[in-house]
Amino acid sequence: MNEKHFAEALAPSEKRRAERKKLIINVNFEGGDSTGIANTRDIGIGGLYMLTGAKLEIGMPLFMRMTVGGEELGLDGVVTYTDPNQGVGVRFQAMSEKNAEILKKELHLE
């Protein structure tokens, strides 16, 4: 099953597995033919919602760079929700322990 079909097959209760908190930071992203800078609306250990007008599709893999707690993070993700011309929901993929610890600390999840 490819990433697009996997994202579409999830039931609504399974789509967000971790709490998100409001945190507005800049995100540099690239995926498919799109690159850009967006702002997060909320973020959690499992993913984020970013405000962007870019045409990103469900299942599209993204690479994102952002600075959290003074540390630059490079994160892989996949688009799981789109709100055209508004933003997208992204689930993180294969996050390193270091990046997870930085996010947990900044979001006060410990």
PDB file of N, CA and C in Angstrom:
ATOM      1  N   MET A   1       0.866  -1.176   0.000  1.00  0.00           N
ATOM      2  CA  MET A   1       0.000   0.000   0.000  1.00  0.00           C
ATOM      3  C   MET A   1       0.909   1.234   0.000  1.00  0.00           C
ATOM      4  N   ASN A   2       0.706   2.133  -0.962  1.00  0.00           N
ATOM      5  CA  ASN A   2       1.534   3.337  -0.979  1.00  0.00           C
ATOM      6  C   ASN A   2       1.058   4.329   0.081  1.00  0.00           C
ATOM      7  N   GLU A   3       1.861   5.383   0.296  1.00  0.00           N
ATOM      8  CA  GLU A   3       1.559   6.340   1.372  1.00  0.00           C
ATOM      9  C   GLU A   3       0.206   7.025   1.183  1.00  0.00           C
ATOM     10  N   LYS A   4      -0.165   7.318  -0.057  1.00  0.00           N
ATOM     11  CA  LYS A   4      -1.442   7.989  -0.295  1.00  0.00           C
ATOM     12  C   LYS A   4      -2.598   7.096   0.127  1.00  0.00           C
ATOM     13  N   HIS A   5      -2.568   5.830  -0.289  1.00  0.00           N
ATOM     14  CA  HIS A   5      -3.636   4.915   0.076  1.00  0.00           C
ATOM     15  C   HIS A   5      -3.658   4.670   1.578  1.00  0.00           C
ATOM     16  N   PHE A   6      -2.486   4.583   2.198  1.00  0.00           N
ATOM     17  CA  PHE A   6      -2.420   4.399   3.644  1.00  0.00           C
ATOM     18  C   PHE A   6      -3.089   5.575   4.359  1.00  0.00           C
ATOM     19  N   ALA A   7      -2.767   6.798   3.962  1.00  0.00           N
ATOM     20  CA  ALA A   7      -3.344   7.984   4.605  1.00  0.00           C
ATOM     21  C   ALA A   7      -4.853   8.011   4.420  1.00  0.00           C
ATOM     22  N   GLU A   8      -5.341   7.629   3.234  1.00  0.00           N
ATOM     23  CA  GLU A   8      -6.770   7.661   2.975  1.00  0.00           C
ATOM     24  C   GLU A   8      -7.513   6.550   3.713  1.00  0.00           C
ATOM     25  N   ALA A   9      -6.824   5.443   4.034  1.00  0.00           N
ATOM     26  CA  ALA A   9      -7.471   4.303   4.670  1.00  0.00           C
ATOM     27  C   ALA A   9      -7.673   4.482   6.167  1.00  0.00           C
ATOM     28  N   LEU A  10      -7.026   5.453   6.756  1.00  0.00           N
ATOM     29  CA  LEU A  10      -7.139   5.644   8.193  1.00  0.00           C
ATOM     30  C   LEU A  10      -8.518   6.163   8.577  1.00  0.00           C
ATOM     31  N   ALA A  11      -9.070   5.593   9.626  1.00  0.00           N
ATOM     32  CA  ALA A  11     -10.331   6.097  10.162  1.00  0.00           C
ATOM     33  C   ALA A  11     -10.068   7.410  10.860  1.00  0.00           C
ATOM     34  N   PRO A  12     -11.063   8.314  10.964  1.00  0.00           N
ATOM     35  CA  PRO A  12     -10.847   9.619  11.585  1.00  0.00           C
ATOM     36  C   PRO A  12     -10.235   9.530  12.983  1.00  0.00           C
ATOM     37  N   SER A  13     -10.621   8.539  13.784  1.00  0.00           N
ATOM     38  CA  SER A  13     -10.087   8.426  15.137  1.00  0.00           C
ATOM     39  C   SER A  13      -8.617   8.035  15.141  1.00  0.00           C
ATOM     40  N   GLU A  14      -8.119   7.484  14.026  1.00  0.00           N
ATOM     41  CA  GLU A  14      -6.724   7.057  13.959  1.00  0.00           C
ATOM     42  C   GLU A  14      -5.822   8.130  13.364  1.00  0.00           C
ATOM     43  N   LYS A  15      -6.399   9.167  12.788  1.00  0.00           N
ATOM     44  CA  LYS A  15      -5.584  10.121  12.058  1.00  0.00           C
ATOM     45  C   LYS A  15      -4.658  10.932  12.945  1.00  0.00           C
ATOM     46  N   ARG A  16      -5.080  11.296  14.136  1.00  0.00           N
ATOM     47  CA  ARG A  16      -4.202  12.057  15.023  1.00  0.00           C
ATOM     48  C   ARG A  16      -3.997  11.242  16.283  1.00  0.00           C
ATOM     49  N   ARG A  17      -2.774  10.805  16.478  1.00  0.00           N
ATOM     50  CA  ARG A  17      -2.466   9.922  17.599  1.00  0.00           C
ATOM     51  C   ARG A  17      -1.887  10.660  18.786  1.00  0.00           C
ATOM     52  N   ALA A  18      -1.475  11.878  18.598  1.00  0.00           N
ATOM     53  CA  ALA A  18      -0.834  12.622  19.688  1.00  0.00           C
ATOM     54  C   ALA A  18      -1.438  14.018  19.784  1.00  0.00           C
ATOM     55  N   GLU A  19      -1.450  14.526  20.991  1.00  0.00           N
ATOM     56  CA  GLU A  19      -1.959  15.873  21.244  1.00  0.00           C
ATOM     57  C   GLU A  19      -1.111  16.901  20.512  1.00  0.00           C
ATOM     58  N   ARG A  20      -1.756  17.959  20.057  1.00  0.00           N
ATOM     59  CA  ARG A  20      -1.037  19.084  19.456  1.00  0.00           C
ATOM     60  C   ARG A  20      -1.249  20.319  20.305  1.00  0.00           C
ATOM     61  N   LYS A  21      -0.246  21.191  20.285  1.00  0.00           N
ATOM     62  CA  LYS A  21      -0.334  22.450  21.019  1.00  0.00           C
ATOM     63  C   LYS A  21      -0.106  23.596  20.047  1.00  0.00           C
ATOM     64  N   LYS A  22      -0.694  24.741  20.363  1.00  0.00           N
ATOM     65  CA  LYS A  22      -0.520  25.909  19.515  1.00  0.00           C
ATOM     66  C   LYS A  22       0.927  26.390  19.645  1.00  0.00           C
ATOM     67  N   LEU A  23       1.598  26.449  18.520  1.00  0.00           N
ATOM     68  CA  LEU A  23       2.968  26.946  18.455  1.00  0.00           C
ATOM     69  C   LEU A  23       3.168  27.437  17.032  1.00  0.00           C
ATOM     70  N   ILE A  24       3.457  28.712  16.887  1.00  0.00           N
ATOM     71  CA  ILE A  24       3.622  29.289  15.555  1.00  0.00           C
ATOM     72  C   ILE A  24       5.108  29.471  15.281  1.00  0.00           C
ATOM     73  N   ILE A  25       5.600  28.691  14.312  1.00  0.00           N
ATOM     74  CA  ILE A  25       6.998  28.787  13.889  1.00  0.00           C
ATOM     75  C   ILE A  25       7.050  28.676  12.365  1.00  0.00           C
ATOM     76  N   ASN A  26       8.136  29.154  11.782  1.00  0.00           N
ATOM     77  CA  ASN A  26       8.333  29.058  10.337  1.00  0.00           C
ATOM     78  C   ASN A  26       8.767  27.644   9.967  1.00  0.00           C
ATOM     79  N   VAL A  27       8.249  27.176   8.842  1.00  0.00           N
ATOM     80  CA  VAL A  27       8.608  25.864   8.311  1.00  0.00           C
ATOM     81  C   VAL A  27       9.023  26.041   6.860  1.00  0.00           C
ATOM     82  N   ASN A  28      10.233  25.619   6.530  1.00  0.00           N
ATOM     83  CA  ASN A  28      10.663  25.544   5.136  1.00  0.00           C
ATOM     84  C   ASN A  28      10.347  24.127   4.682  1.00  0.00           C
ATOM     85  N   PHE A  29       9.603  23.990   3.598  1.00  0.00           N
ATOM     86  CA  PHE A  29       9.207  22.654   3.162  1.00  0.00           C
ATOM     87  C   PHE A  29       9.489  22.446   1.692  1.00  0.00           C
ATOM     88  N   GLU A  30       9.642  21.176   1.329  1.00  0.00           N
ATOM     89  CA  GLU A  30       9.757  20.783  -0.062  1.00  0.00           C
ATOM     90  C   GLU A  30       9.147  19.404  -0.234  1.00  0.00           C
ATOM     91  N   GLY A  31       8.455  19.244  -1.335  1.00  0.00           N
ATOM     92  CA  GLY A  31       7.816  17.976  -1.643  1.00  0.00           C
ATOM     93  C   GLY A  31       7.183  18.050  -3.008  1.00  0.00           C
ATOM     94  N   GLY A  32       7.340  17.008  -3.792  1.00  0.00           N
ATOM     95  CA  GLY A  32       6.826  17.037  -5.160  1.00  0.00           C
ATOM     96  C   GLY A  32       7.447  18.189  -5.914  1.00  0.00           C
ATOM     97  N   ASP A  33       6.633  19.007  -6.548  1.00  0.00           N
ATOM     98  CA  ASP A  33       7.119  20.189  -7.271  1.00  0.00           C
ATOM     99  C   ASP A  33       7.027  21.447  -6.420  1.00  0.00           C
ATOM    100  N   SER A  34       6.685  21.304  -5.141  1.00  0.00           N
ATOM    101  CA  SER A  34       6.459  22.469  -4.282  1.00  0.00           C
ATOM    102  C   SER A  34       7.594  22.683  -3.294  1.00  0.00           C
ATOM    103  N   THR A  35       7.949  23.941  -3.131  1.00  0.00           N
ATOM    104  CA  THR A  35       8.839  24.361  -2.063  1.00  0.00           C
ATOM    105  C   THR A  35       8.254  25.650  -1.515  1.00  0.00           C
ATOM    106  N   GLY A  36       8.511  25.921  -0.259  1.00  0.00           N
ATOM    107  CA  GLY A  36       7.990  27.154   0.284  1.00  0.00           C
ATOM    108  C   GLY A  36       8.281  27.327   1.748  1.00  0.00           C
ATOM    109  N   ILE A  37       7.770  28.409   2.269  1.00  0.00           N
ATOM    110  CA  ILE A  37       7.862  28.719   3.686  1.00  0.00           C
ATOM    111  C   ILE A  37       6.435  28.867   4.190  1.00  0.00           C
ATOM    112  N   ALA A  38       6.133  28.195   5.281  1.00  0.00           N
ATOM    113  CA  ALA A  38       4.801  28.247   5.874  1.00  0.00           C
ATOM    114  C   ALA A  38       4.953  28.534   7.360  1.00  0.00           C
ATOM    115  N   ASN A  39       3.832  28.722   8.028  1.00  0.00           N
ATOM    116  CA  ASN A  39       3.808  28.862   9.486  1.00  0.00           C
ATOM    117  C   ASN A  39       2.974  27.732  10.055  1.00  0.00           C
ATOM    118  N   THR A  40       3.421  27.199  11.180  1.00  0.00           N
ATOM    119  CA  THR A  40       2.597  26.199  11.841  1.00  0.00           C
ATOM    120  C   THR A  40       1.447  26.902  12.543  1.00  0.00           C
ATOM    121  N   ARG A  41       0.348  26.206  12.685  1.00  0.00           N
ATOM    122  CA  ARG A  41      -0.763  26.665  13.509  1.00  0.00           C
ATOM    123  C   ARG A  41      -0.732  25.887  14.825  1.00  0.00           C
ATOM    124  N   ASP A  42      -0.452  24.597  14.688  1.00  0.00           N
ATOM    125  CA  ASP A  42      -0.273  23.760  15.863  1.00  0.00           C
ATOM    126  C   ASP A  42       0.700  22.644  15.518  1.00  0.00           C
ATOM    127  N   ILE A  43       1.286  22.061  16.554  1.00  0.00           N
ATOM    128  CA  ILE A  43       2.300  21.036  16.355  1.00  0.00           C
ATOM    129  C   ILE A  43       2.272  20.084  17.546  1.00  0.00           C
ATOM    130  N   GLY A  44       2.586  18.848  17.285  1.00  0.00           N
ATOM    131  CA  GLY A  44       2.688  17.837  18.327  1.00  0.00           C
ATOM    132  C   GLY A  44       3.787  16.867  17.967  1.00  0.00           C
ATOM    133  N   ILE A  45       3.973  15.873  18.781  1.00  0.00           N
ATOM    134  CA  ILE A  45       5.029  14.903  18.532  1.00  0.00           C
ATOM    135  C   ILE A  45       4.729  14.070  17.281  1.00  0.00           C
ATOM    136  N   GLY A  46       3.453  13.986  16.891  1.00  0.00           N
ATOM    137  CA  GLY A  46       3.086  13.171  15.737  1.00  0.00           C
ATOM    138  C   GLY A  46       2.940  13.919  14.434  1.00  0.00           C
ATOM    139  N   GLY A  47       2.806  15.264  14.497  1.00  0.00           N
ATOM    140  CA  GLY A  47       2.624  16.002  13.260  1.00  0.00           C
ATOM    141  C   GLY A  47       2.304  17.457  13.511  1.00  0.00           C
ATOM    142  N   LEU A  48       1.905  18.134  12.456  1.00  0.00           N
ATOM    143  CA  LEU A  48       1.612  19.564  12.547  1.00  0.00           C
ATOM    144  C   LEU A  48       0.579  19.962  11.516  1.00  0.00           C
ATOM    145  N   TYR A  49       0.026  21.145  11.710  1.00  0.00           N
ATOM    146  CA  TYR A  49      -0.804  21.789  10.704  1.00  0.00           C
ATOM    147  C   TYR A  49      -0.058  23.042  10.308  1.00  0.00           C
ATOM    148  N   MET A  50       0.156  23.227   9.006  1.00  0.00           N
ATOM    149  CA  MET A  50       0.843  24.432   8.562  1.00  0.00           C
ATOM    150  C   MET A  50      -0.024  25.198   7.588  1.00  0.00           C
ATOM    151  N   LEU A  51       0.041  26.514   7.721  1.00  0.00           N
ATOM    152  CA  LEU A  51      -0.716  27.431   6.879  1.00  0.00           C
ATOM    153  C   LEU A  51       0.067  27.672   5.596  1.00  0.00           C
ATOM    154  N   THR A  52      -0.511  27.289   4.470  1.00  0.00           N
ATOM    155  CA  THR A  52       0.134  27.473   3.183  1.00  0.00           C
ATOM    156  C   THR A  52      -0.916  27.407   2.079  1.00  0.00           C
ATOM    157  N   GLY A  53      -0.691  28.145   1.032  1.00  0.00           N
ATOM    158  CA  GLY A  53      -1.550  28.088  -0.144  1.00  0.00           C
ATOM    159  C   GLY A  53      -1.000  27.143  -1.200  1.00  0.00           C
ATOM    160  N   ALA A  54       0.135  26.496  -0.896  1.00  0.00           N
ATOM    161  CA  ALA A  54       0.744  25.573  -1.860  1.00  0.00           C
ATOM    162  C   ALA A  54      -0.198  24.406  -2.133  1.00  0.00           C
ATOM    163  N   LYS A  55      -0.153  23.901  -3.351  1.00  0.00           N
ATOM    164  CA  LYS A  55      -1.010  22.782  -3.738  1.00  0.00           C
ATOM    165  C   LYS A  55      -0.309  21.475  -3.369  1.00  0.00           C
ATOM    166  N   LEU A  56      -0.556  21.032  -2.152  1.00  0.00           N
ATOM    167  CA  LEU A  56      -0.003  19.786  -1.652  1.00  0.00           C
ATOM    168  C   LEU A  56      -1.128  18.772  -1.562  1.00  0.00           C
ATOM    169  N   GLU A  57      -0.868  17.549  -1.995  1.00  0.00           N
ATOM    170  CA  GLU A  57      -1.911  16.531  -2.046  1.00  0.00           C
ATOM    171  C   GLU A  57      -1.754  15.501  -0.931  1.00  0.00           C
ATOM    172  N   ILE A  58      -2.868  14.909  -0.529  1.00  0.00           N
ATOM    173  CA  ILE A  58      -2.832  13.839   0.469  1.00  0.00           C
ATOM    174  C   ILE A  58      -1.917  12.729  -0.025  1.00  0.00           C
ATOM    175  N   GLY A  59      -1.063  12.266   0.871  1.00  0.00           N
ATOM    176  CA  GLY A  59      -0.109  11.209   0.540  1.00  0.00           C
ATOM    177  C   GLY A  59       1.236  11.722   0.066  1.00  0.00           C
ATOM    178  N   MET A  60       1.348  13.031  -0.191  1.00  0.00           N
ATOM    179  CA  MET A  60       2.603  13.598  -0.676  1.00  0.00           C
ATOM    180  C   MET A  60       3.646  13.623   0.433  1.00  0.00           C
ATOM    181  N   PRO A  61       4.827  13.046   0.193  1.00  0.00           N
ATOM    182  CA  PRO A  61       5.897  13.154   1.179  1.00  0.00           C
ATOM    183  C   PRO A  61       6.479  14.567   1.185  1.00  0.00           C
ATOM    184  N   LEU A  62       6.821  15.056   2.369  1.00  0.00           N
ATOM    185  CA  LEU A  62       7.429  16.380   2.526  1.00  0.00           C
ATOM    186  C   LEU A  62       8.692  16.270   3.366  1.00  0.00           C
ATOM    187  N   PHE A  63       9.641  17.139   3.086  1.00  0.00           N
ATOM    188  CA  PHE A  63      10.780  17.328   3.977  1.00  0.00           C
ATOM    189  C   PHE A  63      10.658  18.746   4.519  1.00  0.00           C
ATOM    190  N   MET A  64      10.737  18.877   5.846  1.00  0.00           N
ATOM    191  CA  MET A  64      10.547  20.175   6.495  1.00  0.00           C
ATOM    192  C   MET A  64      11.744  20.514   7.370  1.00  0.00           C
ATOM    193  N   ARG A  65      12.101  21.803   7.365  1.00  0.00           N
ATOM    194  CA  ARG A  65      13.123  22.325   8.272  1.00  0.00           C
ATOM    195  C   ARG A  65      12.478  23.418   9.109  1.00  0.00           C
ATOM    196  N   MET A  66      12.754  23.377  10.409  1.00  0.00           N
ATOM    197  CA  MET A  66      12.231  24.393  11.314  1.00  0.00           C
ATOM    198  C   MET A  66      13.148  24.510  12.510  1.00  0.00           C
ATOM    199  N   THR A  67      13.091  25.658  13.177  1.00  0.00           N
ATOM    200  CA  THR A  67      13.871  25.860  14.388  1.00  0.00           C
ATOM    201  C   THR A  67      12.921  25.815  15.572  1.00  0.00           C
ATOM    202  N   VAL A  68      13.211  24.890  16.485  1.00  0.00           N
ATOM    203  CA  VAL A  68      12.389  24.683  17.675  1.00  0.00           C
ATOM    204  C   VAL A  68      13.311  24.712  18.889  1.00  0.00           C
ATOM    205  N   GLY A  69      13.025  25.599  19.831  1.00  0.00           N
ATOM    206  CA  GLY A  69      13.850  25.687  21.032  1.00  0.00           C
ATOM    207  C   GLY A  69      15.314  25.967  20.736  1.00  0.00           C
ATOM    208  N   GLY A  70      15.562  26.746  19.685  1.00  0.00           N
ATOM    209  CA  GLY A  70      16.933  27.096  19.314  1.00  0.00           C
ATOM    210  C   GLY A  70      17.667  26.016  18.529  1.00  0.00           C
ATOM    211  N   GLU A  71      17.010  24.905  18.259  1.00  0.00           N
ATOM    212  CA  GLU A  71      17.611  23.794  17.505  1.00  0.00           C
ATOM    213  C   GLU A  71      16.952  23.682  16.134  1.00  0.00           C
ATOM    214  N   GLU A  72      17.770  23.476  15.087  1.00  0.00           N
ATOM    215  CA  GLU A  72      17.202  23.278  13.759  1.00  0.00           C
ATOM    216  C   GLU A  72      16.865  21.803  13.587  1.00  0.00           C
ATOM    217  N   LEU A  73      15.610  21.552  13.205  1.00  0.00           N
ATOM    218  CA  LEU A  73      15.143  20.185  12.983  1.00  0.00           C
ATOM    219  C   LEU A  73      14.894  19.956  11.503  1.00  0.00           C
ATOM    220  N   GLY A  74      15.265  18.805  11.020  1.00  0.00           N
ATOM    221  CA  GLY A  74      14.919  18.340   9.686  1.00  0.00           C
ATOM    222  C   GLY A  74      13.975  17.166   9.867  1.00  0.00           C
ATOM    223  N   LEU A  75      12.758  17.276   9.350  1.00  0.00           N
ATOM    224  CA  LEU A  75      11.733  16.265   9.588  1.00  0.00           C
ATOM    225  C   LEU A  75      11.086  15.804   8.290  1.00  0.00           C
ATOM    226  N   ASP A  76      10.893  14.508   8.189  1.00  0.00           N
ATOM    227  CA  ASP A  76      10.143  13.943   7.076  1.00  0.00           C
ATOM    228  C   ASP A  76       8.698  13.789   7.503  1.00  0.00           C
ATOM    229  N   GLY A  77       7.784  13.983   6.558  1.00  0.00           N
ATOM    230  CA  GLY A  77       6.372  13.819   6.864  1.00  0.00           C
ATOM    231  C   GLY A  77       5.589  13.468   5.623  1.00  0.00           C
ATOM    232  N   VAL A  78       4.306  13.218   5.828  1.00  0.00           N
ATOM    233  CA  VAL A  78       3.399  12.940   4.722  1.00  0.00           C
ATOM    234  C   VAL A  78       2.117  13.738   4.966  1.00  0.00           C
ATOM    235  N   VAL A  79       1.602  14.345   3.901  1.00  0.00           N
ATOM    236  CA  VAL A  79       0.375  15.138   3.990  1.00  0.00           C
ATOM    237  C   VAL A  79      -0.797  14.181   4.239  1.00  0.00           C
ATOM    238  N   THR A  80      -1.555  14.449   5.307  1.00  0.00           N
ATOM    239  CA  THR A  80      -2.696  13.595   5.645  1.00  0.00           C
ATOM    240  C   THR A  80      -4.031  14.325   5.531  1.00  0.00           C
ATOM    241  N   TYR A  81      -3.995  15.642   5.383  1.00  0.00           N
ATOM    242  CA  TYR A  81      -5.216  16.441   5.308  1.00  0.00           C
ATOM    243  C   TYR A  81      -4.918  17.703   4.520  1.00  0.00           C
ATOM    244  N   THR A  82      -5.831  18.111   3.669  1.00  0.00           N
ATOM    245  CA  THR A  82      -5.659  19.370   2.942  1.00  0.00           C
ATOM    246  C   THR A  82      -6.901  20.234   3.088  1.00  0.00           C
ATOM    247  N   ASP A  83      -6.656  21.508   3.202  1.00  0.00           N
ATOM    248  CA  ASP A  83      -7.695  22.529   3.211  1.00  0.00           C
ATOM    249  C   ASP A  83      -7.236  23.532   2.146  1.00  0.00           C
ATOM    250  N   PRO A  84      -7.678  23.348   0.889  1.00  0.00           N
ATOM    251  CA  PRO A  84      -7.140  24.133  -0.230  1.00  0.00           C
ATOM    252  C   PRO A  84      -7.066  25.635   0.048  1.00  0.00           C
ATOM    253  N   ASN A  85      -5.928  26.215  -0.307  1.00  0.00           N
ATOM    254  CA  ASN A  85      -5.608  27.628  -0.134  1.00  0.00           C
ATOM    255  C   ASN A  85      -5.555  28.067   1.332  1.00  0.00           C
ATOM    256  N   GLN A  86      -5.610  27.135   2.252  1.00  0.00           N
ATOM    257  CA  GLN A  86      -5.531  27.457   3.680  1.00  0.00           C
ATOM    258  C   GLN A  86      -4.325  26.786   4.334  1.00  0.00           C
ATOM    259  N   GLY A  87      -4.239  25.461   4.212  1.00  0.00           N
ATOM    260  CA  GLY A  87      -3.149  24.750   4.856  1.00  0.00           C
ATOM    261  C   GLY A  87      -3.277  23.250   4.720  1.00  0.00           C
ATOM    262  N   VAL A  88      -2.353  22.543   5.389  1.00  0.00           N
ATOM    263  CA  VAL A  88      -2.319  21.083   5.337  1.00  0.00           C
ATOM    264  C   VAL A  88      -1.941  20.514   6.695  1.00  0.00           C
ATOM    265  N   GLY A  89      -2.442  19.326   6.955  1.00  0.00           N
ATOM    266  CA  GLY A  89      -2.025  18.544   8.110  1.00  0.00           C
ATOM    267  C   GLY A  89      -0.959  17.572   7.657  1.00  0.00           C
ATOM    268  N   VAL A  90       0.093  17.442   8.452  1.00  0.00           N
ATOM    269  CA  VAL A  90       1.223  16.582   8.103  1.00  0.00           C
ATOM    270  C   VAL A  90       1.516  15.648   9.268  1.00  0.00           C
ATOM    271  N   ARG A  91       1.675  14.369   8.966  1.00  0.00           N
ATOM    272  CA  ARG A  91       2.109  13.401   9.973  1.00  0.00           C
ATOM    273  C   ARG A  91       3.612  13.184   9.798  1.00  0.00           C
ATOM    274  N   PHE A  92       4.358  13.285  10.907  1.00  0.00           N
ATOM    275  CA  PHE A  92       5.797  13.045  10.859  1.00  0.00           C
ATOM    276  C   PHE A  92       6.067  11.569  10.590  1.00  0.00           C
ATOM    277  N   GLN A  93       7.174  11.303   9.912  1.00  0.00           N
ATOM    278  CA  GLN A  93       7.606   9.946   9.583  1.00  0.00           C
ATOM    279  C   GLN A  93       9.013   9.714  10.121  1.00  0.00           C
ATOM    280  N   ALA A  94       9.234   8.598  10.791  1.00  0.00           N
ATOM    281  CA  ALA A  94      10.568   8.159  11.228  1.00  0.00           C
ATOM    282  C   ALA A  94      11.359   9.276  11.917  1.00  0.00           C
ATOM    283  N   MET A  95      10.789   9.890  12.942  1.00  0.00           N
ATOM    284  CA  MET A  95      11.464  10.970  13.656  1.00  0.00           C
ATOM    285  C   MET A  95      12.586  10.415  14.531  1.00  0.00           C
ATOM    286  N   SER A  96      13.721  11.098  14.515  1.00  0.00           N
ATOM    287  CA  SER A  96      14.841  10.681  15.360  1.00  0.00           C
ATOM    288  C   SER A  96      14.517  10.935  16.829  1.00  0.00           C
ATOM    289  N   GLU A  97      15.174  10.203  17.704  1.00  0.00           N
ATOM    290  CA  GLU A  97      14.965  10.391  19.143  1.00  0.00           C
ATOM    291  C   GLU A  97      15.348  11.803  19.569  1.00  0.00           C
ATOM    292  N   LYS A  98      16.424  12.334  18.981  1.00  0.00           N
ATOM    293  CA  LYS A  98      16.860  13.692  19.321  1.00  0.00           C
ATOM    294  C   LYS A  98      15.783  14.713  18.974  1.00  0.00           C
ATOM    295  N   ASN A  99      15.225  14.624  17.757  1.00  0.00           N
ATOM    296  CA  ASN A  99      14.171  15.558  17.355  1.00  0.00           C
ATOM    297  C   ASN A  99      12.929  15.394  18.220  1.00  0.00           C
ATOM    298  N   ALA A 100      12.595  14.160  18.569  1.00  0.00           N
ATOM    299  CA  ALA A 100      11.430  13.916  19.431  1.00  0.00           C
ATOM    300  C   ALA A 100      11.634  14.552  20.803  1.00  0.00           C
ATOM    301  N   GLU A 101      12.821  14.437  21.359  1.00  0.00           N
ATOM    302  CA  GLU A 101      13.104  15.031  22.674  1.00  0.00           C
ATOM    303  C   GLU A 101      13.028  16.558  22.620  1.00  0.00           C
ATOM    304  N   ILE A 102      13.531  17.156  21.545  1.00  0.00           N
ATOM    305  CA  ILE A 102      13.471  18.617  21.396  1.00  0.00           C
ATOM    306  C   ILE A 102      12.016  19.071  21.339  1.00  0.00           C
ATOM    307  N   LEU A 103      11.195  18.391  20.551  1.00  0.00           N
ATOM    308  CA  LEU A 103       9.775  18.749  20.461  1.00  0.00           C
ATOM    309  C   LEU A 103       9.059  18.560  21.801  1.00  0.00           C
ATOM    310  N   LYS A 104       9.298  17.438  22.462  1.00  0.00           N
ATOM    311  CA  LYS A 104       8.653  17.189  23.754  1.00  0.00           C
ATOM    312  C   LYS A 104       8.999  18.281  24.751  1.00  0.00           C
ATOM    313  N   LYS A 105      10.265  18.682  24.765  1.00  0.00           N
ATOM    314  CA  LYS A 105      10.694  19.723  25.702  1.00  0.00           C
ATOM    315  C   LYS A 105      10.018  21.059  25.390  1.00  0.00           C
ATOM    316  N   GLU A 106      10.001  21.439  24.124  1.00  0.00           N
ATOM    317  CA  GLU A 106       9.428  22.726  23.719  1.00  0.00           C
ATOM    318  C   GLU A 106       7.914  22.749  23.944  1.00  0.00           C
ATOM    319  N   LEU A 107       7.269  21.609  23.762  1.00  0.00           N
ATOM    320  CA  LEU A 107       5.817  21.533  23.904  1.00  0.00           C
ATOM    321  C   LEU A 107       5.384  21.181  25.334  1.00  0.00           C
ATOM    322  N   HIS A 108       6.362  21.027  26.200  1.00  0.00           N
ATOM    323  CA  HIS A 108       6.106  20.693  27.611  1.00  0.00           C
ATOM    324  C   HIS A 108       5.298  19.403  27.742  1.00  0.00           C
ATOM    325  N   LEU A 109       5.754  18.374  27.029  1.00  0.00           N
ATOM    326  CA  LEU A 109       5.066  17.101  27.055  1.00  0.00           C
ATOM    327  C   LEU A 109       5.719  16.112  28.019  1.00  0.00           C
ATOM    328  N   GLU A 110       6.762  16.517  28.714  1.00  0.00           N
ATOM    329  CA  GLU A 110       7.432  15.612  29.661  1.00  0.00           C
ATOM    330  C   GLU A 110       7.026  15.911  31.074  1.00  0.00           C
TER     331      GLU A 110
END
